[in-house]
């Protein structure tokens, strides 16, 4: 919400009421400057969901990465097995 209101909404309102002074907002560089953070904020929940899907909480309370193999979640706790 901060990116949307603070970066995009405020600048668009300023451009709407005073386009001569705020024309940089709709320039290609301006669109990149507020578009990239907005795209990152929109992608974050989906990436977090993907990471949380593969996390496994061990009985000790540690959170480790797991992998789906053959429909089973295998724990990868970082230790090398021999």
PDB file of N, CA and C in Angstrom:
ATOM      1  N   UNK A   1       0.827  -1.198   0.000  1.00  0.00           N
ATOM      2  CA  UNK A   1       0.000   0.000   0.000  1.00  0.00           C
ATOM      3  C   UNK A   1       0.865   1.253   0.000  1.00  0.00           C
ATOM      4  N   UNK A   2       2.027   1.208   0.617  1.00  0.00           N
ATOM      5  CA  UNK A   2       2.885   2.384   0.677  1.00  0.00           C
ATOM      6  C   UNK A   2       3.384   2.798  -0.697  1.00  0.00           C
ATOM      7  N   UNK A   3       3.781   1.819  -1.511  1.00  0.00           N
ATOM      8  CA  UNK A   3       4.238   2.135  -2.854  1.00  0.00           C
ATOM      9  C   UNK A   3       3.098   2.692  -3.685  1.00  0.00           C
ATOM     10  N   UNK A   4       1.950   2.085  -3.552  1.00  0.00           N
ATOM     11  CA  UNK A   4       0.806   2.525  -4.351  1.00  0.00           C
ATOM     12  C   UNK A   4       0.373   3.935  -3.978  1.00  0.00           C
ATOM     13  N   UNK A   5       0.253   4.221  -2.692  1.00  0.00           N
ATOM     14  CA  UNK A   5      -0.219   5.547  -2.291  1.00  0.00           C
ATOM     15  C   UNK A   5       0.885   6.589  -2.320  1.00  0.00           C
ATOM     16  N   UNK A   6       2.061   6.257  -1.803  1.00  0.00           N
ATOM     17  CA  UNK A   6       3.118   7.243  -1.682  1.00  0.00           C
ATOM     18  C   UNK A   6       3.838   7.554  -2.975  1.00  0.00           C
ATOM     19  N   UNK A   7       4.043   6.551  -3.796  1.00  0.00           N
ATOM     20  CA  UNK A   7       4.822   6.756  -5.014  1.00  0.00           C
ATOM     21  C   UNK A   7       3.933   6.981  -6.228  1.00  0.00           C
ATOM     22  N   UNK A   8       2.908   6.180  -6.392  1.00  0.00           N
ATOM     23  CA  UNK A   8       2.084   6.256  -7.596  1.00  0.00           C
ATOM     24  C   UNK A   8       0.950   7.263  -7.436  1.00  0.00           C
ATOM     25  N   UNK A   9       0.112   7.089  -6.440  1.00  0.00           N
ATOM     26  CA  UNK A   9      -1.088   7.923  -6.300  1.00  0.00           C
ATOM     27  C   UNK A   9      -0.753   9.404  -6.115  1.00  0.00           C
ATOM     28  N   UNK A  10       0.197   9.697  -5.244  1.00  0.00           N
ATOM     29  CA  UNK A  10       0.558  11.110  -5.017  1.00  0.00           C
ATOM     30  C   UNK A  10       1.093  11.757  -6.286  1.00  0.00           C
ATOM     31  N   UNK A  11       1.941  11.050  -7.019  1.00  0.00           N
ATOM     32  CA  UNK A  11       2.491  11.611  -8.248  1.00  0.00           C
ATOM     33  C   UNK A  11       1.441  11.753  -9.334  1.00  0.00           C
ATOM     34  N   UNK A  12       0.527  10.820  -9.436  1.00  0.00           N
ATOM     35  CA  UNK A  12      -0.527  10.923 -10.440  1.00  0.00           C
ATOM     36  C   UNK A  12      -1.467  12.086 -10.116  1.00  0.00           C
ATOM     37  N   UNK A  13      -1.775  12.296  -8.849  1.00  0.00           N
ATOM     38  CA  UNK A  13      -2.621  13.433  -8.460  1.00  0.00           C
ATOM     39  C   UNK A  13      -1.913  14.750  -8.784  1.00  0.00           C
ATOM     40  N   UNK A  14      -0.620  14.825  -8.485  1.00  0.00           N
ATOM     41  CA  UNK A  14       0.125  16.043  -8.823  1.00  0.00           C
ATOM     42  C   UNK A  14       0.143  16.262 -10.336  1.00  0.00           C
ATOM     43  N   UNK A  15       0.347  15.226 -11.119  1.00  0.00           N
ATOM     44  CA  UNK A  15       0.353  15.342 -12.575  1.00  0.00           C
ATOM     45  C   UNK A  15      -1.026  15.739 -13.093  1.00  0.00           C
ATOM     46  N   UNK A  16      -2.088  15.206 -12.484  1.00  0.00           N
ATOM     47  CA  UNK A  16      -3.457  15.510 -12.926  1.00  0.00           C
ATOM     48  C   UNK A  16      -3.778  17.000 -12.750  1.00  0.00           C
ATOM     49  N   UNK A  17      -3.399  17.572 -11.625  1.00  0.00           N
ATOM     50  CA  UNK A  17      -3.729  18.968 -11.351  1.00  0.00           C
ATOM     51  C   UNK A  17      -2.697  19.960 -11.899  1.00  0.00           C
ATOM     52  N   UNK A  18      -1.475  19.552 -12.127  1.00  0.00           N
ATOM     53  CA  UNK A  18      -0.446  20.452 -12.613  1.00  0.00           C
ATOM     54  C   UNK A  18       0.485  19.693 -13.566  1.00  0.00           C
ATOM     55  N   UNK A  19      -0.025  19.357 -14.771  1.00  0.00           N
ATOM     56  CA  UNK A  19       0.749  18.524 -15.705  1.00  0.00           C
ATOM     57  C   UNK A  19       2.013  19.193 -16.235  1.00  0.00           C
ATOM     58  N   UNK A  20       2.032  20.542 -16.279  1.00  0.00           N
ATOM     59  CA  UNK A  20       3.223  21.214 -16.820  1.00  0.00           C
ATOM     60  C   UNK A  20       4.446  20.969 -15.941  1.00  0.00           C
ATOM     61  N   UNK A  21       4.270  20.979 -14.653  1.00  0.00           N
ATOM     62  CA  UNK A  21       5.392  20.820 -13.728  1.00  0.00           C
ATOM     63  C   UNK A  21       5.700  19.360 -13.414  1.00  0.00           C
ATOM     64  N   UNK A  22       4.765  18.471 -13.689  1.00  0.00           N
ATOM     65  CA  UNK A  22       4.954  17.070 -13.320  1.00  0.00           C
ATOM     66  C   UNK A  22       4.867  16.141 -14.533  1.00  0.00           C
ATOM     67  N   UNK A  23       5.286  16.634 -15.681  1.00  0.00           N
ATOM     68  CA  UNK A  23       5.267  15.815 -16.898  1.00  0.00           C
ATOM     69  C   UNK A  23       6.242  14.661 -16.853  1.00  0.00           C
ATOM     70  N   UNK A  24       7.248  14.748 -15.993  1.00  0.00           N
ATOM     71  CA  UNK A  24       8.236  13.674 -15.883  1.00  0.00           C
ATOM     72  C   UNK A  24       7.618  12.370 -15.408  1.00  0.00           C
ATOM     73  N   UNK A  25       6.459  12.448 -14.775  1.00  0.00           N
ATOM     74  CA  UNK A  25       5.831  11.242 -14.213  1.00  0.00           C
ATOM     75  C   UNK A  25       5.391  10.286 -15.314  1.00  0.00           C
ATOM     76  N   UNK A  26       4.941  10.819 -16.448  1.00  0.00           N
ATOM     77  CA  UNK A  26       4.474   9.963 -17.540  1.00  0.00           C
ATOM     78  C   UNK A  26       5.537   9.778 -18.617  1.00  0.00           C
ATOM     79  N   UNK A  27       6.777  10.188 -18.347  1.00  0.00           N
ATOM     80  CA  UNK A  27       7.877   9.928 -19.276  1.00  0.00           C
ATOM     81  C   UNK A  27       8.296   8.463 -19.130  1.00  0.00           C
ATOM     82  N   UNK A  28       8.998   7.917 -20.112  1.00  0.00           N
ATOM     83  CA  UNK A  28       9.422   6.507 -19.999  1.00  0.00           C
ATOM     84  C   UNK A  28      10.247   6.222 -18.739  1.00  0.00           C
ATOM     85  N   UNK A  29      11.169   7.107 -18.397  1.00  0.00           N
ATOM     86  CA  UNK A  29      11.963   6.898 -17.193  1.00  0.00           C
ATOM     87  C   UNK A  29      11.097   6.988 -15.939  1.00  0.00           C
ATOM     88  N   UNK A  30      10.151   7.915 -15.926  1.00  0.00           N
ATOM     89  CA  UNK A  30       9.249   8.047 -14.781  1.00  0.00           C
ATOM     90  C   UNK A  30       8.391   6.813 -14.582  1.00  0.00           C
ATOM     91  N   UNK A  31       7.933   6.236 -15.677  1.00  0.00           N
ATOM     92  CA  UNK A  31       7.122   5.013 -15.581  1.00  0.00           C
ATOM     93  C   UNK A  31       7.963   3.861 -15.036  1.00  0.00           C
ATOM     94  N   UNK A  32       9.234   3.797 -15.430  1.00  0.00           N
ATOM     95  CA  UNK A  32      10.121   2.758 -14.896  1.00  0.00           C
ATOM     96  C   UNK A  32      10.342   2.980 -13.405  1.00  0.00           C
ATOM     97  N   UNK A  33      10.546   4.253 -13.005  1.00  0.00           N
ATOM     98  CA  UNK A  33      10.844   4.564 -11.606  1.00  0.00           C
ATOM     99  C   UNK A  33       9.694   4.173 -10.690  1.00  0.00           C
ATOM    100  N   UNK A  34       8.447   4.357 -11.079  1.00  0.00           N
ATOM    101  CA  UNK A  34       7.360   3.946 -10.197  1.00  0.00           C
ATOM    102  C   UNK A  34       6.755   2.610 -10.596  1.00  0.00           C
ATOM    103  N   UNK A  35       7.059   2.120 -11.802  1.00  0.00           N
ATOM    104  CA  UNK A  35       6.512   0.838 -12.244  1.00  0.00           C
ATOM    105  C   UNK A  35       7.240  -0.367 -11.687  1.00  0.00           C
ATOM    106  N   UNK A  36       8.559  -0.274 -11.587  1.00  0.00           N
ATOM    107  CA  UNK A  36       9.344  -1.407 -11.089  1.00  0.00           C
ATOM    108  C   UNK A  36       9.018  -1.717  -9.626  1.00  0.00           C
ATOM    109  N   UNK A  37       9.025  -0.715  -8.724  1.00  0.00           N
ATOM    110  CA  UNK A  37       8.663  -1.042  -7.336  1.00  0.00           C
ATOM    111  C   UNK A  37       7.229  -1.549  -7.202  1.00  0.00           C
ATOM    112  N   UNK A  38       6.334  -1.021  -8.017  1.00  0.00           N
ATOM    113  CA  UNK A  38       4.948  -1.487  -7.972  1.00  0.00           C
ATOM    114  C   UNK A  38       4.852  -2.948  -8.427  1.00  0.00           C
ATOM    115  N   UNK A  39       5.575  -3.307  -9.473  1.00  0.00           N
ATOM    116  CA  UNK A  39       5.579  -4.697  -9.949  1.00  0.00           C
ATOM    117  C   UNK A  39       6.195  -5.629  -8.904  1.00  0.00           C
ATOM    118  N   UNK A  40       7.248  -5.184  -8.238  1.00  0.00           N
ATOM    119  CA  UNK A  40       7.871  -5.999  -7.188  1.00  0.00           C
ATOM    120  C   UNK A  40       6.910  -6.213  -6.020  1.00  0.00           C
ATOM    121  N   UNK A  41       6.208  -5.158  -5.625  1.00  0.00           N
ATOM    122  CA  UNK A  41       5.238  -5.282  -4.535  1.00  0.00           C
ATOM    123  C   UNK A  41       4.088  -6.204  -4.904  1.00  0.00           C
ATOM    124  N   UNK A  42       3.702  -6.209  -6.171  1.00  0.00           N
ATOM    125  CA  UNK A  42       2.612  -7.086  -6.592  1.00  0.00           C
ATOM    126  C   UNK A  42       3.070  -8.543  -6.678  1.00  0.00           C
ATOM    127  N   UNK A  43       4.339  -8.780  -6.992  1.00  0.00           N
ATOM    128  CA  UNK A  43       4.855 -10.144  -7.104  1.00  0.00           C
ATOM    129  C   UNK A  43       5.214 -10.749  -5.750  1.00  0.00           C
ATOM    130  N   UNK A  44       5.478  -9.918  -4.755  1.00  0.00           N
ATOM    131  CA  UNK A  44       5.954 -10.388  -3.448  1.00  0.00           C
ATOM    132  C   UNK A  44       5.044 -11.433  -2.786  1.00  0.00           C
ATOM    133  N   UNK A  45       3.722 -11.224  -2.721  1.00  0.00           N
ATOM    134  CA  UNK A  45       2.896 -12.246  -2.048  1.00  0.00           C
ATOM    135  C   UNK A  45       2.974 -13.621  -2.713  1.00  0.00           C
ATOM    136  N   UNK A  46       3.064 -13.648  -4.035  1.00  0.00           N
ATOM    137  CA  UNK A  46       3.135 -14.930  -4.734  1.00  0.00           C
ATOM    138  C   UNK A  46       4.480 -15.615  -4.502  1.00  0.00           C
ATOM    139  N   UNK A  47       5.565 -14.843  -4.466  1.00  0.00           N
ATOM    140  CA  UNK A  47       6.876 -15.423  -4.184  1.00  0.00           C
ATOM    141  C   UNK A  47       6.970 -15.902  -2.740  1.00  0.00           C
ATOM    142  N   UNK A  48       6.411 -15.134  -1.808  1.00  0.00           N
ATOM    143  CA  UNK A  48       6.402 -15.548  -0.412  1.00  0.00           C
ATOM    144  C   UNK A  48       5.585 -16.823  -0.232  1.00  0.00           C
ATOM    145  N   UNK A  49       4.461 -16.929  -0.925  1.00  0.00           N
ATOM    146  CA  UNK A  49       3.639 -18.144  -0.872  1.00  0.00           C
ATOM    147  C   UNK A  49       4.440 -19.335  -1.370  1.00  0.00           C
ATOM    148  N   UNK A  50       5.211 -19.153  -2.435  1.00  0.00           N
ATOM    149  CA  UNK A  50       6.011 -20.242  -2.995  1.00  0.00           C
ATOM    150  C   UNK A  50       7.094 -20.690  -2.006  1.00  0.00           C
ATOM    151  N   UNK A  51       7.747 -19.737  -1.352  1.00  0.00           N
ATOM    152  CA  UNK A  51       8.787 -20.077  -0.376  1.00  0.00           C
ATOM    153  C   UNK A  51       8.170 -20.772   0.833  1.00  0.00           C
ATOM    154  N   UNK A  52       7.076 -20.243   1.333  1.00  0.00           N
ATOM    155  CA  UNK A  52       6.440 -20.841   2.519  1.00  0.00           C
ATOM    156  C   UNK A  52       5.935 -22.249   2.246  1.00  0.00           C
ATOM    157  N   UNK A  53       5.582 -22.543   0.989  1.00  0.00           N
ATOM    158  CA  UNK A  53       5.110 -23.876   0.636  1.00  0.00           C
ATOM    159  C   UNK A  53       6.203 -24.917   0.797  1.00  0.00           C
ATOM    160  N   UNK A  54       7.457 -24.510   0.667  1.00  0.00           N
ATOM    161  CA  UNK A  54       8.554 -25.469   0.728  1.00  0.00           C
ATOM    162  C   UNK A  54       9.279 -25.456   2.065  1.00  0.00           C
ATOM    163  N   UNK A  55       8.860 -24.624   3.013  1.00  0.00           N
ATOM    164  CA  UNK A  55       9.503 -24.599   4.321  1.00  0.00           C
ATOM    165  C   UNK A  55       8.997 -25.735   5.198  1.00  0.00           C
ATOM    166  N   UNK A  56       9.892 -26.264   5.991  1.00  0.00           N
ATOM    167  CA  UNK A  56       9.551 -27.328   6.928  1.00  0.00           C
ATOM    168  C   UNK A  56      10.059 -26.903   8.306  1.00  0.00           C
ATOM    169  N   UNK A  57       9.204 -27.020   9.320  1.00  0.00           N
ATOM    170  CA  UNK A  57       9.602 -26.710  10.690  1.00  0.00           C
ATOM    171  C   UNK A  57       9.985 -28.022  11.366  1.00  0.00           C
ATOM    172  N   UNK A  58      11.241 -28.089  11.785  1.00  0.00           N
ATOM    173  CA  UNK A  58      11.733 -29.288  12.457  1.00  0.00           C
ATOM    174  C   UNK A  58      11.268 -29.304  13.909  1.00  0.00           C
ATOM    175  N   UNK A  59      11.310 -30.456  14.573  1.00  0.00           N
ATOM    176  CA  UNK A  59      10.898 -30.530  15.976  1.00  0.00           C
ATOM    177  C   UNK A  59      11.687 -29.581  16.889  1.00  0.00           C
ATOM    178  N   UNK A  60      12.911 -29.233  16.497  1.00  0.00           N
ATOM    179  CA  UNK A  60      13.713 -28.313  17.303  1.00  0.00           C
ATOM    180  C   UNK A  60      13.274 -26.852  17.123  1.00  0.00           C
ATOM    181  N   UNK A  61      12.393 -26.601  16.166  1.00  0.00           N
ATOM    182  CA  UNK A  61      11.927 -25.244  15.912  1.00  0.00           C
ATOM    183  C   UNK A  61      12.615 -24.567  14.749  1.00  0.00           C
ATOM    184  N   UNK A  62      13.660 -25.181  14.215  1.00  0.00           N
ATOM    185  CA  UNK A  62      14.343 -24.613  13.055  1.00  0.00           C
ATOM    186  C   UNK A  62      13.467 -24.701  11.822  1.00  0.00           C
ATOM    187  N   UNK A  63      13.594 -23.730  10.963  1.00  0.00           N
ATOM    188  CA  UNK A  63      12.881 -23.732   9.688  1.00  0.00           C
ATOM    189  C   UNK A  63      13.906 -24.026   8.604  1.00  0.00           C
ATOM    190  N   UNK A  64      13.668 -25.088   7.843  1.00  0.00           N
ATOM    191  CA  UNK A  64      14.601 -25.486   6.791  1.00  0.00           C
ATOM    192  C   UNK A  64      13.848 -25.612   5.475  1.00  0.00           C
ATOM    193  N   UNK A  65      14.642 -25.642   4.410  1.00  0.00           N
ATOM    194  CA  UNK A  65      14.065 -25.769   3.083  1.00  0.00           C
ATOM    195  C   UNK A  65      13.778 -27.234   2.775  1.00  0.00           C
ATOM    196  N   UNK A  66      12.674 -27.464   2.126  1.00  0.00           N
ATOM    197  CA  UNK A  66      12.330 -28.811   1.700  1.00  0.00           C
ATOM    198  C   UNK A  66      12.111 -28.825   0.200  1.00  0.00           C
ATOM    199  N   UNK A  67      12.082 -30.007  -0.385  1.00  0.00           N
ATOM    200  CA  UNK A  67      11.852 -30.155  -1.818  1.00  0.00           C
ATOM    201  C   UNK A  67      10.756 -31.179  -2.038  1.00  0.00           C
ATOM    202  N   UNK A  68       9.903 -30.895  -3.032  1.00  0.00           N
ATOM    203  CA  UNK A  68       8.870 -31.858  -3.401  1.00  0.00           C
ATOM    204  C   UNK A  68       9.469 -32.836  -4.395  1.00  0.00           C
ATOM    205  N   UNK A  69       9.473 -34.117  -4.034  1.00  0.00           N
ATOM    206  CA  UNK A  69       9.941 -35.169  -4.939  1.00  0.00           C
ATOM    207  C   UNK A  69       8.947 -36.309  -4.894  1.00  0.00           C
ATOM    208  N   UNK A  70       8.305 -36.556  -6.002  1.00  0.00           N
ATOM    209  CA  UNK A  70       7.364 -37.661  -6.076  1.00  0.00           C
ATOM    210  C   UNK A  70       6.169 -37.498  -5.158  1.00  0.00           C
ATOM    211  N   UNK A  71       5.726 -36.273  -4.933  1.00  0.00           N
ATOM    212  CA  UNK A  71       4.567 -36.022  -4.086  1.00  0.00           C
ATOM    213  C   UNK A  71       4.872 -36.019  -2.596  1.00  0.00           C
ATOM    214  N   UNK A  72       6.155 -36.150  -2.227  1.00  0.00           N
ATOM    215  CA  UNK A  72       6.566 -36.168  -0.824  1.00  0.00           C
ATOM    216  C   UNK A  72       7.522 -35.006  -0.588  1.00  0.00           C
ATOM    217  N   UNK A  73       7.362 -34.328   0.538  1.00  0.00           N
ATOM    218  CA  UNK A  73       8.247 -33.217   0.881  1.00  0.00           C
ATOM    219  C   UNK A  73       9.480 -33.758   1.583  1.00  0.00           C
ATOM    220  N   UNK A  74      10.639 -33.651   0.917  1.00  0.00           N
ATOM    221  CA  UNK A  74      11.913 -34.108   1.492  1.00  0.00           C
ATOM    222  C   UNK A  74      12.583 -32.938   2.183  1.00  0.00           C
ATOM    223  N   UNK A  75      13.090 -33.155   3.382  1.00  0.00           N
ATOM    224  CA  UNK A  75      13.735 -32.095   4.166  1.00  0.00           C
ATOM    225  C   UNK A  75      15.178 -31.968   3.716  1.00  0.00           C
ATOM    226  N   UNK A  76      15.597 -30.727   3.443  1.00  0.00           N
ATOM    227  CA  UNK A  76      16.987 -30.432   3.122  1.00  0.00           C
ATOM    228  C   UNK A  76      17.510 -29.495   4.196  1.00  0.00           C
ATOM    229  N   UNK A  77      18.165 -30.054   5.214  1.00  0.00           N
ATOM    230  CA  UNK A  77      18.598 -29.237   6.348  1.00  0.00           C
ATOM    231  C   UNK A  77      20.027 -28.714   6.193  1.00  0.00           C
ATOM    232  N   UNK A  78      20.625 -28.864   5.018  1.00  0.00           N
ATOM    233  CA  UNK A  78      21.941 -28.307   4.762  1.00  0.00           C
ATOM    234  C   UNK A  78      23.088 -29.215   5.144  1.00  0.00           C
ATOM    235  N   UNK A  79      22.808 -30.358   5.764  1.00  0.00           N
ATOM    236  CA  UNK A  79      23.863 -31.285   6.156  1.00  0.00           C
ATOM    237  C   UNK A  79      24.152 -32.220   4.992  1.00  0.00           C
ATOM    238  N   UNK A  80      25.437 -32.478   4.770  1.00  0.00           N
ATOM    239  CA  UNK A  80      25.809 -33.397   3.702  1.00  0.00           C
ATOM    240  C   UNK A  80      25.678 -34.826   4.207  1.00  0.00           C
ATOM    241  N   UNK A  81      25.054 -35.631   3.414  1.00  0.00           N
ATOM    242  CA  UNK A  81      24.864 -37.027   3.795  1.00  0.00           C
ATOM    243  C   UNK A  81      25.900 -37.880   3.045  1.00  0.00           C
ATOM    244  N   UNK A  82      26.438 -38.879   3.718  1.00  0.00           N
ATOM    245  CA  UNK A  82      27.444 -39.738   3.083  1.00  0.00           C
ATOM    246  C   UNK A  82      26.889 -41.110   2.842  1.00  0.00           C
TER     247      UNK A  82
END
